[in-house]
Amino acid sequence: QVQLVESGGGLVQAGGSLRLSCAHSGGIFSMFTMGWYRQAPGKQREFVADITSGGTIYYADSVKGRFTISKDNAKNTVYLQMNSLKPEDTAVYYCKAEFTFAVWGQGTQVTVSS
């Protein structure tokens, strides 16, 4: 059974940086598309970035140039480096693993103060 555990969230001032991690267990990590999504209060969950098993990367327009997704197959972990954070980046960030099925992590809170 695939499980995902996110970490690295917290409170940061606008312009600051955070790095989120998502540890994957219970499956063959390298076969999954790994993604990050976020949900702000009162809003729908939205796509942030993902990286396919082959290494192709996609970003939401709102984070391009500021966020970087990467993965370490040896550590079964995907990362989201977030730079130049803005108050509108405040949300719960979720990790998603997708193969023939999808699994979500529990989420980690990111709060950006102005």
C-alpha atoms as a PDB file:
ATOM      1  CA  GLN A   1       0.000   0.000   0.000  1.00  0.00           C
ATOM      2  CA  VAL A   2       1.493   3.313  -1.093  1.00  0.00           C
ATOM      3  CA  GLN A   3       1.834   5.937   1.603  1.00  0.00           C
ATOM      4  CA  LEU A   4       3.006   9.528   1.345  1.00  0.00           C
ATOM      5  CA  VAL A   5       4.270  11.709   4.165  1.00  0.00           C
ATOM      6  CA  GLU A   6       4.847  15.423   3.587  1.00  0.00           C
ATOM      7  CA  SER A   7       7.079  17.641   5.669  1.00  0.00           C
ATOM      8  CA  GLY A   8       8.719  21.044   5.537  1.00  0.00           C
ATOM      9  CA  GLY A   9       5.775  23.384   5.819  1.00  0.00           C
ATOM     10  CA  GLY A  10       5.730  26.346   8.157  1.00  0.00           C
ATOM     11  CA  LEU A  11       5.441  30.089   8.542  1.00  0.00           C
ATOM     12  CA  VAL A  12       7.642  32.340   6.427  1.00  0.00           C
ATOM     13  CA  GLN A  13       7.693  36.002   5.499  1.00  0.00           C
ATOM     14  CA  ALA A  14       6.940  37.145   1.996  1.00  0.00           C
ATOM     15  CA  GLY A  15      10.014  36.786  -0.175  1.00  0.00           C
ATOM     16  CA  GLY A  16      11.283  33.862   1.836  1.00  0.00           C
ATOM     17  CA  SER A  17      11.811  30.226   0.929  1.00  0.00           C
ATOM     18  CA  LEU A  18      10.695  26.798   2.056  1.00  0.00           C
ATOM     19  CA  ARG A  19      11.404  23.296   0.848  1.00  0.00           C
ATOM     20  CA  LEU A  20       8.719  20.665   1.068  1.00  0.00           C
ATOM     21  CA  SER A  21       9.495  16.967   1.060  1.00  0.00           C
ATOM     22  CA  CYS A  22       7.257  14.002   0.343  1.00  0.00           C
ATOM     23  CA  ALA A  23       8.469  10.563   1.311  1.00  0.00           C
ATOM     24  CA  HIS A  24       6.930   7.689  -0.652  1.00  0.00           C
ATOM     25  CA  SER A  25       6.705   4.117   0.622  1.00  0.00           C
ATOM     26  CA  GLY A  26       4.974   0.889  -0.342  1.00  0.00           C
ATOM     27  CA  GLY A  27       5.442   1.079  -4.098  1.00  0.00           C
ATOM     28  CA  ILE A  28       8.002   1.419  -6.865  1.00  0.00           C
ATOM     29  CA  PHE A  29       8.637   5.147  -6.551  1.00  0.00           C
ATOM     30  CA  SER A  30      10.341   5.538  -9.910  1.00  0.00           C
ATOM     31  CA  MET A  31       7.216   4.401 -11.766  1.00  0.00           C
ATOM     32  CA  PHE A  32       4.972   7.107 -10.343  1.00  0.00           C
ATOM     33  CA  THR A  33       4.194  10.600 -11.479  1.00  0.00           C
ATOM     34  CA  MET A  34       4.728  12.679  -8.367  1.00  0.00           C
ATOM     35  CA  GLY A  35       2.951  15.966  -7.924  1.00  0.00           C
ATOM     36  CA  TRP A  36       2.262  18.838  -5.583  1.00  0.00           C
ATOM     37  CA  TYR A  37      -1.135  20.457  -5.191  1.00  0.00           C
ATOM     38  CA  ARG A  38      -2.400  23.102  -2.802  1.00  0.00           C
ATOM     39  CA  GLN A  39      -5.658  24.192  -1.270  1.00  0.00           C
ATOM     40  CA  ALA A  40      -6.210  27.616   0.206  1.00  0.00           C
ATOM     41  CA  PRO A  41      -9.091  28.302   2.608  1.00  0.00           C
ATOM     42  CA  GLY A  42     -12.379  28.502   0.746  1.00  0.00           C
ATOM     43  CA  LYS A  43     -10.820  27.458  -2.557  1.00  0.00           C
ATOM     44  CA  GLN A  44     -10.568  24.281  -4.566  1.00  0.00           C
ATOM     45  CA  ARG A  45      -7.427  22.209  -4.583  1.00  0.00           C
ATOM     46  CA  GLU A  46      -5.184  23.287  -7.433  1.00  0.00           C
ATOM     47  CA  PHE A  47      -2.237  21.869  -9.317  1.00  0.00           C
ATOM     48  CA  VAL A  48       1.200  23.280  -8.479  1.00  0.00           C
ATOM     49  CA  ALA A  49       3.771  21.056 -10.170  1.00  0.00           C
ATOM     50  CA  ASP A  50       4.499  17.493 -11.106  1.00  0.00           C
ATOM     51  CA  ILE A  51       7.286  15.303 -12.396  1.00  0.00           C
ATOM     52  CA  THR A  52       6.680  12.179 -14.432  1.00  0.00           C
ATOM     53  CA  SER A  53       8.487   8.876 -14.125  1.00  0.00           C
ATOM     54  CA  GLY A  54      10.575   9.948 -17.105  1.00  0.00           C
ATOM     55  CA  GLY A  55      11.479  13.263 -15.520  1.00  0.00           C
ATOM     56  CA  THR A  56       9.189  15.582 -17.480  1.00  0.00           C
ATOM     57  CA  ILE A  57       8.166  18.538 -15.339  1.00  0.00           C
ATOM     58  CA  TYR A  58       5.091  20.733 -15.420  1.00  0.00           C
ATOM     59  CA  TYR A  59       4.314  23.859 -13.410  1.00  0.00           C
ATOM     60  CA  ALA A  60       1.269  25.966 -12.832  1.00  0.00           C
ATOM     61  CA  ASP A  61       1.721  29.412 -14.346  1.00  0.00           C
ATOM     62  CA  SER A  62       1.381  30.982 -10.903  1.00  0.00           C
ATOM     63  CA  VAL A  63       4.567  29.322  -9.629  1.00  0.00           C
ATOM     64  CA  LYS A  64       6.767  29.189 -12.725  1.00  0.00           C
ATOM     65  CA  GLY A  65      10.161  30.712 -12.062  1.00  0.00           C
ATOM     66  CA  ARG A  66       9.678  30.562  -8.291  1.00  0.00           C
ATOM     67  CA  PHE A  67       9.084  26.901  -7.461  1.00  0.00           C
ATOM     68  CA  THR A  68      11.198  23.913  -8.438  1.00  0.00           C
ATOM     69  CA  ILE A  69      10.095  20.289  -8.241  1.00  0.00           C
ATOM     70  CA  SER A  70      12.664  17.518  -8.080  1.00  0.00           C
ATOM     71  CA  LYS A  71      12.904  13.924  -7.000  1.00  0.00           C
ATOM     72  CA  ASP A  72      15.459  11.530  -5.628  1.00  0.00           C
ATOM     73  CA  ASN A  73      14.680   7.982  -6.706  1.00  0.00           C
ATOM     74  CA  ALA A  74      17.266   6.580  -4.298  1.00  0.00           C
ATOM     75  CA  LYS A  75      15.460   8.228  -1.372  1.00  0.00           C
ATOM     76  CA  ASN A  76      11.922   7.716  -2.706  1.00  0.00           C
ATOM     77  CA  THR A  77      11.323  11.399  -2.114  1.00  0.00           C
ATOM     78  CA  VAL A  78       9.979  14.308  -4.118  1.00  0.00           C
ATOM     79  CA  TYR A  79      10.761  17.897  -3.210  1.00  0.00           C
ATOM     80  CA  LEU A  80       9.239  21.278  -3.849  1.00  0.00           C
ATOM     81  CA  GLN A  81      11.638  24.175  -3.454  1.00  0.00           C
ATOM     82  CA  MET A  82       9.612  27.353  -3.049  1.00  0.00           C
ATOM     83  CA  ASN A  83      11.358  30.694  -3.432  1.00  0.00           C
ATOM     84  CA  SER A  84      10.084  34.269  -3.520  1.00  0.00           C
ATOM     85  CA  LEU A  85       7.020  33.221  -1.596  1.00  0.00           C
ATOM     86  CA  LYS A  86       3.949  35.427  -1.671  1.00  0.00           C
ATOM     87  CA  PRO A  87       1.014  35.656   0.740  1.00  0.00           C
ATOM     88  CA  GLU A  88      -1.179  34.127  -1.977  1.00  0.00           C
ATOM     89  CA  ASP A  89       0.948  30.965  -1.769  1.00  0.00           C
ATOM     90  CA  THR A  90      -0.558  30.320   1.659  1.00  0.00           C
ATOM     91  CA  ALA A  91      -2.302  26.946   1.562  1.00  0.00           C
ATOM     92  CA  VAL A  92      -2.161  23.355   2.624  1.00  0.00           C
ATOM     93  CA  TYR A  93       0.205  21.627   0.232  1.00  0.00           C
ATOM     94  CA  TYR A  94      -0.500  18.032  -0.726  1.00  0.00           C
ATOM     95  CA  CYS A  95       1.715  15.452  -2.360  1.00  0.00           C
ATOM     96  CA  LYS A  96       0.156  13.114  -4.921  1.00  0.00           C
ATOM     97  CA  ALA A  97       1.480   9.881  -6.372  1.00  0.00           C
ATOM     98  CA  GLU A  98      -0.127   8.627  -9.561  1.00  0.00           C
ATOM     99  CA  PHE A  99       0.327   5.448 -11.516  1.00  0.00           C
ATOM    100  CA  THR A 100      -2.736   3.417 -12.407  1.00  0.00           C
ATOM    101  CA  PHE A 101      -4.236   4.838  -9.226  1.00  0.00           C
ATOM    102  CA  ALA A 102      -3.693   7.994  -7.184  1.00  0.00           C
ATOM    103  CA  VAL A 103      -2.650   8.387  -3.581  1.00  0.00           C
ATOM    104  CA  TRP A 104      -2.579  11.614  -1.573  1.00  0.00           C
ATOM    105  CA  GLY A 105      -0.566  12.648   1.423  1.00  0.00           C
ATOM    106  CA  GLN A 106      -2.039  14.255   4.505  1.00  0.00           C
ATOM    107  CA  GLY A 107      -0.883  17.756   3.622  1.00  0.00           C
ATOM    108  CA  THR A 108       1.440  20.302   5.175  1.00  0.00           C
ATOM    109  CA  GLN A 109       0.542  23.899   5.972  1.00  0.00           C
ATOM    110  CA  VAL A 110       2.457  26.736   4.351  1.00  0.00           C
ATOM    111  CA  THR A 111       1.727  30.229   5.625  1.00  0.00           C
ATOM    112  CA  VAL A 112       3.315  33.293   4.048  1.00  0.00           C
ATOM    113  CA  SER A 113       2.995  36.513   6.005  1.00  0.00           C
ATOM    114  CA  SER A 114       3.073  39.923   4.365  1.00  0.00           C
END
